[in-house]
Amino acid sequence: MANIGLFYGSETGYTQIEAEMIQKEFGGESVVEIFDIARAEASDFENFEYIIIGCPTWNVGELQSAWEYFYDELDNIDFSGKKVAYFGPGDQVGYPDTFEDALGILEEKISEQGGTTVGYWPTDGYEFNESKAVRDGKFVGLALDEDNQSDLTEERIKAWVAQLKKEFGL
């Protein structure tokens, strides 16, 4: 059975592609089990000590629709003792005042439910004004920008997964 549960929501397909890249970088299906949050249930989170959350920031600082629908279900999940990492695409040029807000919204809620955030990512190399995903000068997770920096996605994922392997103790 997989050690890591990766839960993502996607409108355009970018987040799904990124989730699959992360799974591959970790070593495949035997290590990371992927769930589309649109078809997931709260009980799916129970079997994992390590969780990765993938959510794009949609519209002006909003959650992707399937995550918005699932959001209240997070209250029914005990994340105590679980290490949780976050990633997602955003648009730093088109939405510089809400870049990666969805990651911040989900991280705040899951932390309230006992989750321990890992996988913080530097804000260097990004140009934005504000973000709900920044804590102590770093993003709460991997910020990706397929609209403006798609050439950096693969390199960023490789570096972030290497970081997570250490933080997960794998």
Protein backbone atom coordinates (compact mmCIF):
# COMPACT_ATOMS: atom_id res chain seq x y z
CA MET A 1 0.00 0.00 0.00
CA ALA A 2 1.09 3.56 -0.72
CA ASN A 3 2.65 5.57 2.10
CA ILE A 4 1.42 8.92 0.80
CA GLY A 5 -2.07 10.03 -0.14
CA LEU A 6 -2.21 12.80 -2.73
CA PHE A 7 -5.56 14.58 -3.02
CA TYR A 8 -6.05 17.06 -5.85
CA GLY A 9 -8.74 19.05 -7.60
CA SER A 10 -8.39 20.30 -11.15
CA GLU A 11 -10.39 22.42 -13.59
CA THR A 12 -8.03 22.67 -16.56
CA GLY A 13 -5.94 19.54 -16.00
CA TYR A 14 -2.75 21.27 -14.83
CA THR A 15 -3.09 20.16 -11.21
CA GLN A 16 -3.74 16.56 -12.27
CA ILE A 17 -0.62 16.59 -14.48
CA GLU A 18 1.42 18.06 -11.62
CA ALA A 19 0.04 15.42 -9.23
CA GLU A 20 1.14 12.67 -11.61
CA MET A 21 4.60 14.28 -11.93
CA ILE A 22 4.89 14.34 -8.12
CA GLN A 23 3.78 10.70 -7.90
CA LYS A 24 6.38 9.68 -10.49
CA GLU A 25 9.13 11.65 -8.74
CA PHE A 26 8.34 9.88 -5.45
CA GLY A 27 8.62 6.48 -7.15
CA GLY A 28 5.16 5.78 -8.57
CA GLU A 29 1.87 4.26 -7.48
CA SER A 30 3.45 2.01 -4.87
CA VAL A 31 4.52 5.12 -2.91
CA VAL A 32 1.87 7.74 -3.72
CA GLU A 33 -1.83 6.98 -4.16
CA ILE A 34 -3.68 9.73 -6.05
CA PHE A 35 -7.27 10.76 -5.32
CA ASP A 36 -9.39 13.24 -7.28
CA ILE A 37 -11.08 15.21 -4.49
CA ALA A 38 -14.29 15.29 -6.58
CA ARG A 39 -14.60 11.53 -5.96
CA ALA A 40 -12.92 11.29 -2.55
CA GLU A 41 -14.50 10.78 0.85
CA ALA A 42 -13.34 11.96 4.27
CA SER A 43 -12.47 8.37 5.18
CA ASP A 44 -9.91 8.23 2.33
CA PHE A 45 -7.58 10.42 4.41
CA GLU A 46 -7.50 8.01 7.38
CA ASN A 47 -4.99 5.53 5.98
CA PHE A 48 -2.19 8.01 5.37
CA GLU A 49 0.36 9.49 7.74
CA TYR A 50 1.68 11.66 4.89
CA ILE A 51 -0.71 13.70 2.77
CA ILE A 52 -0.18 15.98 -0.22
CA ILE A 53 -2.92 18.46 -1.15
CA GLY A 54 -3.09 19.86 -4.69
CA CYS A 55 -5.37 22.79 -5.44
CA PRO A 56 -5.22 25.56 -8.01
CA THR A 57 -6.25 29.06 -7.06
CA TRP A 58 -9.33 29.75 -9.13
CA ASN A 59 -10.96 33.02 -10.17
CA VAL A 60 -9.88 35.74 -7.73
CA GLY A 61 -8.33 33.87 -4.80
CA GLU A 62 -10.88 31.07 -4.59
CA LEU A 63 -10.68 27.31 -4.14
CA GLN A 64 -11.10 25.07 -7.16
CA SER A 65 -14.76 23.96 -7.36
CA ALA A 66 -14.35 20.37 -6.12
CA TRP A 67 -12.27 21.59 -3.15
CA GLU A 68 -14.86 24.28 -2.44
CA TYR A 69 -17.53 21.56 -2.35
CA PHE A 70 -15.35 19.31 -0.10
CA TYR A 71 -14.15 22.14 2.19
CA ASP A 72 -16.69 21.60 5.01
CA GLU A 73 -15.87 17.86 5.01
CA LEU A 74 -12.39 18.78 6.25
CA ASP A 75 -14.03 19.48 9.64
CA ASN A 76 -14.77 15.74 9.88
CA ILE A 77 -11.16 14.64 9.38
CA ASP A 78 -8.66 14.33 12.21
CA PHE A 79 -5.31 15.36 10.78
CA SER A 80 -3.51 14.95 14.13
CA GLY A 81 -0.16 13.21 13.65
CA LYS A 82 -0.29 13.69 9.88
CA LYS A 83 2.30 15.62 7.90
CA VAL A 84 0.61 17.60 5.14
CA ALA A 85 2.22 19.25 2.10
CA TYR A 86 0.53 21.57 -0.40
CA PHE A 87 1.02 22.44 -4.06
CA GLY A 88 -0.93 24.12 -6.80
CA PRO A 89 -0.87 26.33 -9.83
CA GLY A 90 -1.65 30.00 -9.74
CA ASP A 91 -1.17 33.05 -11.99
CA GLN A 92 1.18 35.59 -10.43
CA VAL A 93 0.85 38.04 -13.34
CA GLY A 94 -2.92 37.94 -13.88
CA TYR A 95 -3.77 37.71 -10.16
CA PRO A 96 -0.85 39.24 -8.21
CA ASP A 97 -3.05 40.12 -5.21
CA THR A 98 -4.41 36.58 -4.70
CA PHE A 99 -1.55 34.41 -5.98
CA GLU A 100 -1.78 30.89 -4.48
CA ASP A 101 -4.53 31.92 -2.03
CA ALA A 102 -6.17 28.47 -2.29
CA LEU A 103 -3.11 26.85 -0.68
CA GLY A 104 -3.33 29.25 2.24
CA ILE A 105 -7.06 28.67 2.69
CA LEU A 106 -6.66 24.88 2.78
CA GLU A 107 -3.51 24.96 4.92
CA GLU A 108 -5.23 27.10 7.54
CA LYS A 109 -8.26 24.78 7.74
CA ILE A 110 -6.22 21.56 7.83
CA SER A 111 -3.86 23.00 10.47
CA GLU A 112 -6.92 23.77 12.62
CA GLN A 113 -7.77 20.05 12.30
CA GLY A 114 -4.34 19.05 13.64
CA GLY A 115 -2.31 18.71 10.44
CA THR A 116 1.40 19.56 10.55
CA THR A 117 2.46 21.58 7.52
CA VAL A 118 5.64 20.53 5.71
CA GLY A 119 7.05 21.48 2.33
CA TYR A 120 7.33 25.23 2.76
CA TRP A 121 8.67 26.83 -0.42
CA PRO A 122 10.63 30.08 -0.93
CA THR A 123 8.94 33.10 -2.49
CA ASP A 124 12.14 33.96 -4.39
CA GLY A 125 11.67 33.88 -8.15
CA TYR A 126 8.02 34.93 -8.06
CA GLU A 127 6.51 38.39 -8.63
CA PHE A 128 3.23 38.97 -6.79
CA ASN A 129 1.77 41.49 -4.35
CA GLU A 130 -0.12 39.40 -1.80
CA SER A 131 -0.92 35.80 -0.98
CA LYS A 132 -2.84 34.01 1.76
CA ALA A 133 -0.34 31.18 1.21
CA VAL A 134 2.67 33.07 2.63
CA ARG A 135 3.68 32.37 6.24
CA ASP A 136 6.89 33.81 7.68
CA GLY A 137 8.15 34.80 4.23
CA LYS A 138 7.59 31.41 2.56
CA PHE A 139 4.75 29.75 0.69
CA VAL A 140 2.98 27.02 2.71
CA GLY A 141 3.69 24.73 -0.24
CA LEU A 142 4.95 24.47 -3.78
CA ALA A 143 3.77 27.42 -5.87
CA LEU A 144 3.56 26.61 -9.57
CA ASP A 145 2.64 28.99 -12.39
CA GLU A 146 1.83 27.24 -15.64
CA ASP A 147 0.75 30.52 -17.27
CA ASN A 148 4.02 32.38 -16.75
CA GLN A 149 6.72 29.95 -15.58
CA SER A 150 5.78 26.53 -16.98
CA ASP A 151 9.43 26.00 -17.92
CA LEU A 152 10.23 25.82 -14.18
CA THR A 153 7.54 23.30 -13.16
CA GLU A 154 9.54 20.10 -13.62
CA GLU A 155 12.63 21.49 -11.86
CA ARG A 156 10.54 22.85 -8.98
CA ILE A 157 8.71 19.55 -8.53
CA LYS A 158 11.98 17.59 -8.43
CA ALA A 159 13.45 19.93 -5.78
CA TRP A 160 10.24 19.96 -3.71
CA VAL A 161 9.84 16.17 -3.74
CA ALA A 162 13.48 15.78 -2.63
CA GLN A 163 12.70 18.19 0.23
CA LEU A 164 9.49 16.30 1.13
CA LYS A 165 11.27 12.95 1.22
CA LYS A 166 13.46 14.36 4.00
CA GLU A 167 10.57 16.06 5.82
CA PHE A 168 8.43 12.91 5.60
CA GLY A 169 11.41 10.89 6.79
CA LEU A 170 11.36 8.58 3.76
